[in-house]
Amino acid sequence: MLDWSTCSVVERDPQRMSGAWVFRGTRVPVSALFENLEDGIEITEFVDLFPGVTLKQVRMVLDHAAKSLASPQVV
């Protein structure tokens, strides 16, 4: 599981979207990005489909995920 708390472009609030991590300032779950990418959607298409989410946010989320997966996890 990734630690999204260190990614500045996402947020979560237990009172909103069941506490899921969302793109800051939206109700779009971060998981929607990965689900759409799995379905073959380009990141520019994702931004068009989800108003309020910026290309910069998407790139920062992907960068955060890549860096998190590349670093060794402490158990």
Protein backbone atom coordinates (compact mmCIF):
# COMPACT_ATOMS: atom_id res chain seq x y z
CA MET A 1 0.00 0.00 0.00
CA LEU A 2 1.36 3.40 -0.96
CA ASP A 3 1.67 6.20 1.58
CA TRP A 4 -0.29 9.01 -0.08
CA SER A 5 0.08 11.30 2.94
CA THR A 6 3.34 12.67 1.53
CA CYS A 7 1.85 13.51 -1.88
CA SER A 8 0.78 17.17 -1.87
CA VAL A 9 -1.76 16.89 -4.70
CA VAL A 10 -4.04 14.41 -2.94
CA GLU A 11 -6.10 14.54 0.22
CA ARG A 12 -8.57 12.50 2.20
CA ASP A 13 -11.34 13.32 4.58
CA PRO A 14 -13.27 10.61 6.41
CA GLN A 15 -16.45 12.62 5.81
CA ARG A 16 -15.97 12.69 2.03
CA MET A 17 -15.83 9.81 -0.44
CA SER A 18 -15.67 7.30 2.45
CA GLY A 19 -12.19 8.53 3.31
CA ALA A 20 -10.68 7.56 -0.03
CA TRP A 21 -7.65 9.47 -1.29
CA VAL A 22 -8.83 12.01 -3.86
CA PHE A 23 -7.19 14.62 -6.03
CA ARG A 24 -6.96 17.77 -3.89
CA GLY A 25 -9.95 20.04 -4.38
CA THR A 26 -12.04 17.36 -6.12
CA ARG A 27 -14.09 14.28 -5.36
CA VAL A 28 -12.12 12.21 -7.91
CA PRO A 29 -10.49 9.19 -6.25
CA VAL A 30 -6.83 8.56 -7.01
CA SER A 31 -7.83 4.96 -7.73
CA ALA A 32 -9.88 6.22 -10.71
CA LEU A 33 -6.64 7.29 -12.39
CA PHE A 34 -5.12 3.83 -12.14
CA GLU A 35 -8.35 2.10 -13.18
CA ASN A 36 -8.60 4.31 -16.27
CA LEU A 37 -4.94 3.77 -17.15
CA GLU A 38 -5.51 0.01 -16.92
CA ASP A 39 -8.38 0.45 -19.38
CA GLY A 40 -6.07 2.19 -21.85
CA ILE A 41 -7.09 5.80 -21.24
CA GLU A 42 -4.33 8.37 -21.90
CA ILE A 43 -3.58 10.80 -19.08
CA THR A 44 -4.75 13.73 -21.20
CA GLU A 45 -8.06 11.93 -21.74
CA PHE A 46 -8.34 11.33 -18.00
CA VAL A 47 -7.95 15.05 -17.33
CA ASP A 48 -10.65 15.77 -19.91
CA LEU A 49 -12.99 13.19 -18.35
CA PHE A 50 -12.54 14.49 -14.80
CA PRO A 51 -12.86 18.29 -14.62
CA GLY A 52 -10.93 19.75 -11.72
CA VAL A 53 -8.05 17.30 -12.03
CA THR A 54 -5.01 18.85 -13.69
CA LEU A 55 -2.32 17.27 -15.79
CA LYS A 56 0.21 18.43 -13.18
CA GLN A 57 -1.69 16.58 -10.44
CA VAL A 58 -1.80 13.40 -12.52
CA ARG A 59 1.92 13.57 -13.24
CA MET A 60 2.72 14.17 -9.57
CA VAL A 61 0.56 11.21 -8.50
CA LEU A 62 2.25 8.93 -11.02
CA ASP A 63 5.69 10.21 -9.98
CA HIS A 64 4.85 9.65 -6.30
CA ALA A 65 3.67 6.11 -7.02
CA ALA A 66 6.76 5.30 -9.07
CA LYS A 67 9.13 6.63 -6.41
CA SER A 68 7.26 4.83 -3.64
CA LEU A 69 7.42 1.53 -5.47
CA ALA A 70 11.11 1.99 -6.31
CA SER A 71 12.18 2.58 -2.69
CA PRO A 72 12.52 -0.37 -0.32
CA GLN A 73 9.61 -0.80 2.08
CA VAL A 74 10.35 -1.04 5.78
CA VAL A 75 8.25 -3.66 7.51
